[in-house]
């Protein structure tokens, strides 16, 4: 089953950052519409994003969502770690209880080692990129996006 929490949370954070630059208000409704996502998923993702200091929210009729710190101080790794509950990128099968050969006796520890290496590499890549970097890239690529939607 595919996990859409990180890409959805990334879109939410980028949308809030863009709205702030444009002086517009962000709400869970506008984020749900923009992401074409169920509003309950958006509200569910708001909890860890707020808890981890990425968003601050105000309630009520004029309530809105804002970045808790500047876009250049939020890495994509921060967003990933906030919404994935430390879920591993790759999961191994459980250890084989009755190994019948060298492969079944050792594949689990070997896969765990490779998976950990891949996880660390992914986190390092995400840590290099900030929300500000992503916004800049999206702005530069906006003309390209038109090619794929027309």
Protein backbone atom coordinates (compact mmCIF):
# COMPACT_ATOMS: atom_id res chain seq x y z
CA UNK A 1 0.00 0.00 0.00
CA UNK A 2 1.38 3.37 -0.97
CA UNK A 3 1.85 5.97 1.74
CA UNK A 4 0.82 9.47 0.62
CA UNK A 5 1.44 11.26 3.93
CA UNK A 6 4.78 12.81 3.01
CA UNK A 7 3.91 14.07 -0.49
CA UNK A 8 0.59 15.41 0.80
CA UNK A 9 2.26 17.12 3.78
CA UNK A 10 4.92 18.56 1.47
CA UNK A 11 2.21 20.01 -0.77
CA UNK A 12 0.45 21.44 2.28
CA UNK A 13 3.59 23.15 3.57
CA UNK A 14 4.49 24.51 0.14
CA UNK A 15 0.94 25.79 -0.34
CA UNK A 16 0.99 27.60 3.00
CA UNK A 17 4.41 29.08 2.23
CA UNK A 18 3.24 30.28 -1.20
CA UNK A 19 0.05 31.75 0.27
CA UNK A 20 2.08 33.64 2.86
CA UNK A 21 4.29 35.10 0.13
CA UNK A 22 1.17 36.23 -1.73
CA UNK A 23 -0.51 37.61 1.40
CA UNK A 24 -3.31 35.04 1.20
CA UNK A 25 -4.94 33.06 3.98
CA UNK A 26 -4.57 29.27 4.24
CA UNK A 27 -7.19 27.00 5.79
CA UNK A 28 -7.57 23.25 5.98
CA UNK A 29 -10.33 23.60 3.38
CA UNK A 30 -8.12 25.41 0.88
CA UNK A 31 -5.35 22.87 1.45
CA UNK A 32 -7.74 19.95 0.93
CA UNK A 33 -9.06 21.50 -2.29
CA UNK A 34 -5.58 22.22 -3.62
CA UNK A 35 -4.32 18.71 -2.83
CA UNK A 36 -7.54 17.07 -4.02
CA UNK A 37 -7.43 15.23 -0.71
CA UNK A 38 -9.98 14.28 1.88
CA UNK A 39 -10.25 17.10 4.46
CA UNK A 40 -9.89 14.51 7.23
CA UNK A 41 -6.43 13.54 5.89
CA UNK A 42 -5.43 17.21 5.87
CA UNK A 43 -6.61 17.67 9.46
CA UNK A 44 -4.84 14.46 10.48
CA UNK A 45 -1.55 15.71 8.97
CA UNK A 46 -1.99 19.11 10.63
CA UNK A 47 -1.46 17.52 14.06
CA UNK A 48 2.16 16.35 13.63
CA UNK A 49 3.07 19.35 11.47
CA UNK A 50 1.90 21.65 14.27
CA UNK A 51 3.40 19.49 17.03
CA UNK A 52 6.80 19.51 15.30
CA UNK A 53 6.83 23.30 14.91
CA UNK A 54 6.27 23.47 11.17
CA UNK A 55 2.79 25.04 11.34
CA UNK A 56 1.04 27.33 13.77
CA UNK A 57 -2.71 27.61 13.53
CA UNK A 58 -5.37 29.98 14.75
CA UNK A 59 -8.92 28.82 15.31
CA UNK A 60 -12.27 30.37 14.62
CA UNK A 61 -14.02 32.00 11.73
CA UNK A 62 -10.91 33.93 10.71
CA UNK A 63 -8.54 31.10 11.63
CA UNK A 64 -5.65 30.24 9.39
CA UNK A 65 -2.50 28.18 9.02
CA UNK A 66 0.98 29.74 8.97
CA UNK A 67 4.54 28.50 8.88
CA UNK A 68 5.95 28.40 12.41
CA UNK A 69 9.39 29.39 11.13
CA UNK A 70 10.74 30.79 7.90
CA UNK A 71 10.71 28.60 4.79
CA UNK A 72 14.51 28.48 4.68
CA UNK A 73 14.53 26.94 8.18
CA UNK A 74 12.23 24.01 7.32
CA UNK A 75 13.84 21.08 5.55
CA UNK A 76 12.00 18.44 3.60
CA UNK A 77 13.45 16.00 6.13
CA UNK A 78 11.64 17.91 8.92
CA UNK A 79 8.34 17.42 7.09
CA UNK A 80 9.03 13.75 6.34
CA UNK A 81 9.99 12.95 9.92
CA UNK A 82 6.95 14.81 11.29
CA UNK A 83 4.35 12.87 9.33
CA UNK A 84 5.78 9.37 8.90
CA UNK A 85 5.87 8.41 12.58
CA UNK A 86 9.41 7.11 12.08
CA UNK A 87 8.00 4.53 9.68
CA UNK A 88 10.86 3.03 7.75
CA UNK A 89 11.17 3.60 4.02
CA UNK A 90 11.80 -0.12 3.50
CA UNK A 91 10.65 -2.89 5.82
CA UNK A 92 12.08 -6.36 5.91
CA UNK A 93 10.15 -9.52 6.37
CA UNK A 94 10.17 -11.07 9.83
CA UNK A 95 13.10 -13.32 10.64
CA UNK A 96 12.70 -16.86 9.38
CA UNK A 97 11.95 -19.07 12.39
CA UNK A 98 13.33 -22.28 10.88
CA UNK A 99 15.97 -21.39 8.33
CA UNK A 100 16.57 -24.15 5.83
CA UNK A 101 19.52 -22.67 3.97
CA UNK A 102 22.14 -19.94 4.14
CA UNK A 103 19.80 -17.50 2.36
CA UNK A 104 16.83 -17.93 4.68
CA UNK A 105 19.16 -17.83 7.70
CA UNK A 106 20.78 -14.53 6.72
CA UNK A 107 18.59 -12.55 4.32
CA UNK A 108 16.74 -10.63 7.04
CA UNK A 109 19.81 -9.08 8.68
CA UNK A 110 21.30 -8.36 5.27
CA UNK A 111 18.15 -6.62 4.03
CA UNK A 112 17.88 -4.61 7.27
CA UNK A 113 21.44 -3.36 6.75
CA UNK A 114 20.75 -2.31 3.15
CA UNK A 115 17.40 -0.74 4.12
CA UNK A 116 19.06 1.31 6.88
CA UNK A 117 21.69 2.55 4.43
CA UNK A 118 18.97 3.54 1.93
CA UNK A 119 16.97 5.26 4.67
CA UNK A 120 19.96 7.32 5.80
CA UNK A 121 20.77 8.32 2.22
CA UNK A 122 17.16 9.42 1.65
CA UNK A 123 17.09 11.46 4.85
CA UNK A 124 20.37 13.15 3.90
CA UNK A 125 18.93 14.16 0.52
CA UNK A 126 15.73 15.51 2.12
CA UNK A 127 17.78 17.42 4.72
CA UNK A 128 19.65 19.28 1.94
CA UNK A 129 16.44 20.82 0.59
CA UNK A 130 14.37 23.50 2.31
CA UNK A 131 10.84 24.69 1.71
CA UNK A 132 12.35 27.92 0.33
CA UNK A 133 14.43 25.89 -2.17
CA UNK A 134 11.35 23.92 -3.22
CA UNK A 135 9.28 27.08 -3.71
CA UNK A 136 12.01 28.59 -5.86
CA UNK A 137 12.20 25.44 -7.99
CA UNK A 138 8.42 25.36 -8.38
CA UNK A 139 8.33 29.00 -9.45
CA UNK A 140 11.02 28.39 -12.05
CA UNK A 141 9.22 25.31 -13.34
CA UNK A 142 5.76 26.85 -13.56
CA UNK A 143 6.08 27.32 -17.31
CA UNK A 144 7.02 23.67 -17.68
CA UNK A 145 3.96 22.52 -15.75
CA UNK A 146 1.72 24.20 -18.32
CA UNK A 147 3.13 21.90 -21.02
CA UNK A 148 1.90 18.82 -19.15
CA UNK A 149 -1.56 20.10 -18.27
CA UNK A 150 -2.66 21.41 -21.65
